[in-house]
């Protein structure tokens, strides 16, 4: 199956209100260009350096999403172009993104990463952490970021009941915080679901799915 066929198959199965992020990490630019030619404009990378390299080589109407764990000292490399940062898991990172966005005179959209998985290996904050951030004076002073939603990574498991429980948890947390509206916070996006479970995630309320191997084939670690 070609990349464009895979892409069109997935798009045809997604409801209109769900955004597809094509997760292109470790894939060569030629693969991304095949997806681009088939109409895909939103790509997700999990390493800033790799995203910067691809950004420089590819058309400028692409929306680049940073979906991996972000180290504060690397934010500056993507601050001039990144469209959405999914994995914001603490306030210090939010402050750093704001600082770097200000240098480029732009507002960077962010998602707060909530820990929904039972695994210890996943990053994320609690619903209480998120609430405290939104209610803090310091948060309202960040003029160059906008929190537009939440992101969650489910446990790596085939157990559908567990996945459902974790996805529903993120949707509940989203609904409990949704009433918060400030100049730099308007919650509308729930980013959850990947190649193996995105249909279930959509059923549980996801509005943005991150799909890689179902579009590009299995990940290539050798390069």
Protein backbone atom coordinates (compact mmCIF):
# COMPACT_ATOMS: atom_id res chain seq x y z
CA UNK A 1 0.00 0.00 0.00
CA UNK A 2 1.32 3.45 -0.87
CA UNK A 3 1.57 6.32 1.59
CA UNK A 4 -1.10 8.29 -0.28
CA UNK A 5 -3.49 5.30 -0.26
CA UNK A 6 -2.96 4.78 3.48
CA UNK A 7 -3.51 8.48 4.08
CA UNK A 8 -6.73 8.64 2.10
CA UNK A 9 -8.05 5.48 3.81
CA UNK A 10 -7.51 6.99 7.26
CA UNK A 11 -8.92 10.39 6.28
CA UNK A 12 -12.06 8.73 4.91
CA UNK A 13 -12.63 7.07 8.29
CA UNK A 14 -12.18 10.19 10.42
CA UNK A 15 -15.11 12.45 11.28
CA UNK A 16 -14.83 15.99 9.91
CA UNK A 17 -14.10 17.57 13.29
CA UNK A 18 -11.02 15.36 13.87
CA UNK A 19 -7.59 16.65 12.77
CA UNK A 20 -5.04 14.16 11.46
CA UNK A 21 -1.41 14.71 12.45
CA UNK A 22 0.86 12.59 10.24
CA UNK A 23 3.64 11.42 12.56
CA UNK A 24 6.70 11.52 10.35
CA UNK A 25 9.54 10.96 12.83
CA UNK A 26 12.49 8.96 11.42
CA UNK A 27 10.93 9.11 7.93
CA UNK A 28 12.82 10.61 4.96
CA UNK A 29 11.62 13.82 3.32
CA UNK A 30 10.63 11.82 0.21
CA UNK A 31 8.01 9.96 2.27
CA UNK A 32 6.71 13.20 3.75
CA UNK A 33 6.51 14.73 0.28
CA UNK A 34 4.40 11.81 -0.90
CA UNK A 35 1.95 12.55 1.93
CA UNK A 36 2.17 16.27 1.14
CA UNK A 37 1.35 15.66 -2.54
CA UNK A 38 -1.67 13.62 -1.39
CA UNK A 39 -2.90 16.70 0.50
CA UNK A 40 -1.50 16.28 4.01
CA UNK A 41 -0.35 19.55 5.58
CA UNK A 42 0.07 18.71 9.27
CA UNK A 43 3.13 16.72 10.31
CA UNK A 44 4.26 15.68 13.79
CA UNK A 45 7.85 15.14 14.87
CA UNK A 46 9.21 14.08 18.26
CA UNK A 47 12.76 15.43 17.92
CA UNK A 48 13.27 19.16 17.46
CA UNK A 49 16.48 18.81 15.44
CA UNK A 50 14.84 16.49 12.93
CA UNK A 51 11.83 18.79 12.64
CA UNK A 52 14.07 21.81 11.98
CA UNK A 53 15.92 19.96 9.21
CA UNK A 54 12.67 18.91 7.53
CA UNK A 55 11.15 22.37 7.93
CA UNK A 56 14.08 23.86 6.03
CA UNK A 57 13.74 21.40 3.15
CA UNK A 58 9.97 21.33 2.74
CA UNK A 59 7.17 23.64 1.54
CA UNK A 60 6.34 26.47 3.90
CA UNK A 61 2.58 25.89 4.07
CA UNK A 62 3.16 22.88 6.33
CA UNK A 63 1.98 23.05 9.94
CA UNK A 64 4.63 21.46 12.15
CA UNK A 65 3.58 19.87 15.44
CA UNK A 66 6.08 18.95 18.14
CA UNK A 67 4.62 15.81 19.67
CA UNK A 68 7.55 14.48 21.72
CA UNK A 69 8.94 15.37 25.11
CA UNK A 70 10.40 18.89 24.97
CA UNK A 71 13.59 19.98 26.71
CA UNK A 72 13.52 23.65 27.63
CA UNK A 73 16.95 24.40 26.17
CA UNK A 74 15.79 23.23 22.72
CA UNK A 75 12.65 25.36 22.42
CA UNK A 76 14.58 28.19 20.76
CA UNK A 77 15.35 26.06 17.69
CA UNK A 78 11.70 25.65 16.72
CA UNK A 79 10.19 28.85 18.11
CA UNK A 80 10.20 30.66 14.76
CA UNK A 81 7.93 28.17 12.98
CA UNK A 82 6.33 25.47 15.17
CA UNK A 83 2.52 25.57 14.94
CA UNK A 84 1.57 23.49 17.98
CA UNK A 85 3.52 21.95 20.88
CA UNK A 86 1.67 18.91 22.24
CA UNK A 87 3.79 17.82 25.17
CA UNK A 88 3.83 20.77 27.59
CA UNK A 89 4.05 19.01 30.94
CA UNK A 90 5.12 21.77 33.33
CA UNK A 91 4.86 25.52 33.89
CA UNK A 92 8.57 26.21 33.43
CA UNK A 93 8.36 24.84 29.90
CA UNK A 94 5.35 27.06 29.19
CA UNK A 95 7.35 30.09 30.37
CA UNK A 96 10.28 29.15 28.13
CA UNK A 97 8.00 28.74 25.09
CA UNK A 98 6.50 32.15 25.85
CA UNK A 99 9.97 33.72 26.13
CA UNK A 100 11.15 32.27 22.80
CA UNK A 101 7.87 33.09 21.02
CA UNK A 102 8.22 36.70 22.13
CA UNK A 103 11.63 36.91 20.41
CA UNK A 104 9.93 36.00 17.14
CA UNK A 105 6.93 38.20 17.81
CA UNK A 106 4.48 35.32 17.59
CA UNK A 107 2.02 33.39 19.73
CA UNK A 108 2.71 29.65 19.93
CA UNK A 109 -0.21 27.30 20.50
CA UNK A 110 0.30 24.64 23.17
CA UNK A 111 -1.44 21.60 24.61
CA UNK A 112 -0.95 20.65 28.24
CA UNK A 113 0.07 17.02 28.52
CA UNK A 114 -1.99 15.19 31.13
CA UNK A 115 -0.75 11.88 32.51
CA UNK A 116 -3.48 9.33 31.82
CA UNK A 117 -1.39 6.14 31.43
CA UNK A 118 -0.70 3.75 34.26
CA UNK A 119 2.90 3.39 33.06
CA UNK A 120 5.59 5.37 34.83
CA UNK A 121 7.43 6.01 31.59
CA UNK A 122 4.91 8.56 30.30
CA UNK A 123 5.30 12.26 31.04
CA UNK A 124 2.43 14.50 32.04
CA UNK A 125 0.79 16.56 34.73
CA UNK A 126 -2.33 15.91 36.79
CA UNK A 127 -5.66 17.64 36.27
CA UNK A 128 -4.98 19.49 39.53
CA UNK A 129 -1.61 20.78 38.17
CA UNK A 130 -3.37 22.08 35.06
CA UNK A 131 -6.05 23.81 37.14
CA UNK A 132 -3.43 25.48 39.31
CA UNK A 133 -1.58 26.75 36.24
CA UNK A 134 -4.75 28.19 34.70
CA UNK A 135 -5.71 29.90 37.95
CA UNK A 136 -2.30 31.41 38.60
CA UNK A 137 -1.51 35.08 38.14
CA UNK A 138 1.75 34.12 36.46
CA UNK A 139 -0.07 32.21 33.72
CA UNK A 140 -2.19 35.19 32.67
CA UNK A 141 1.02 37.19 32.12
CA UNK A 142 2.18 34.83 29.34
CA UNK A 143 1.11 36.77 26.26
CA UNK A 144 2.98 34.77 23.62
CA UNK A 145 1.50 31.35 24.21
CA UNK A 146 -2.04 30.08 23.93
CA UNK A 147 -3.18 26.84 25.52
CA UNK A 148 -5.75 25.42 23.10
CA UNK A 149 -6.31 22.00 24.63
CA UNK A 150 -4.98 18.87 26.27
CA UNK A 151 -2.90 15.93 25.10
CA UNK A 152 -2.63 12.46 26.57
CA UNK A 153 -0.69 9.28 25.86
CA UNK A 154 -2.44 6.06 26.74
CA UNK A 155 -0.74 2.96 28.10
CA UNK A 156 0.93 0.80 25.45
CA UNK A 157 -1.53 -2.11 25.65
CA UNK A 158 -4.02 -4.13 23.63
CA UNK A 159 -6.49 -4.01 26.51
CA UNK A 160 -9.34 -2.02 25.02
CA UNK A 161 -11.08 -1.46 28.35
CA UNK A 162 -7.98 0.11 29.84
CA UNK A 163 -7.48 2.34 26.79
CA UNK A 164 -11.13 3.38 26.93
CA UNK A 165 -10.79 4.23 30.61
CA UNK A 166 -7.70 6.38 29.97
CA UNK A 167 -9.18 8.15 26.93
CA UNK A 168 -12.41 8.85 28.81
CA UNK A 169 -10.39 10.22 31.71
CA UNK A 170 -8.74 12.81 29.44
CA UNK A 171 -12.12 13.83 28.01
CA UNK A 172 -13.52 14.21 31.54
CA UNK A 173 -10.57 16.36 32.59
CA UNK A 174 -10.97 18.44 29.41
CA UNK A 175 -14.67 18.99 30.17
CA UNK A 176 -13.91 19.96 33.76
CA UNK A 177 -11.42 22.61 32.61
CA UNK A 178 -13.23 23.76 29.50
CA UNK A 179 -14.99 26.63 31.22
CA UNK A 180 -11.68 28.40 31.75
CA UNK A 181 -11.30 31.14 29.20
CA UNK A 182 -8.60 33.78 29.35
CA UNK A 183 -6.76 35.65 26.61
CA UNK A 184 -4.15 32.91 26.46
CA UNK A 185 -6.34 29.89 27.11
CA UNK A 186 -9.23 28.55 25.08
CA UNK A 187 -9.63 24.80 25.29
CA UNK A 188 -10.92 23.20 22.11
CA UNK A 189 -8.51 20.36 21.25
CA UNK A 190 -8.19 16.87 22.73
CA UNK A 191 -5.12 15.21 21.23
CA UNK A 192 -5.18 11.46 21.87
CA UNK A 193 -5.02 8.28 19.85
CA UNK A 194 -2.30 6.82 17.64
CA UNK A 195 -2.08 4.23 14.85
CA UNK A 196 -3.30 1.30 16.93
CA UNK A 197 -6.12 2.98 18.82
CA UNK A 198 -7.17 6.20 17.10
CA UNK A 199 -10.69 4.95 16.25
CA UNK A 200 -11.33 4.15 19.89
CA UNK A 201 -9.85 7.54 20.89
CA UNK A 202 -12.22 9.34 18.49
CA UNK A 203 -15.16 7.43 19.98
CA UNK A 204 -14.02 8.65 23.40
CA UNK A 205 -13.87 12.31 22.35
CA UNK A 206 -10.54 12.89 20.61
CA UNK A 207 -10.44 15.81 18.16
CA UNK A 208 -6.82 15.27 17.04
CA UNK A 209 -5.10 11.96 16.31
CA UNK A 210 -1.38 11.30 15.85
CA UNK A 211 -0.92 8.58 13.26
CA UNK A 212 2.46 7.38 12.00
CA UNK A 213 2.97 3.72 11.09
CA UNK A 214 -0.53 3.35 9.59
CA UNK A 215 0.45 6.05 7.06
CA UNK A 216 4.19 5.59 6.54
CA UNK A 217 4.68 1.94 7.49
CA UNK A 218 6.81 0.75 10.38
CA UNK A 219 9.31 3.11 11.94
CA UNK A 220 12.86 3.08 10.70
CA UNK A 221 15.37 3.28 13.55
CA UNK A 222 18.50 2.67 11.51
CA UNK A 223 18.96 6.19 10.13
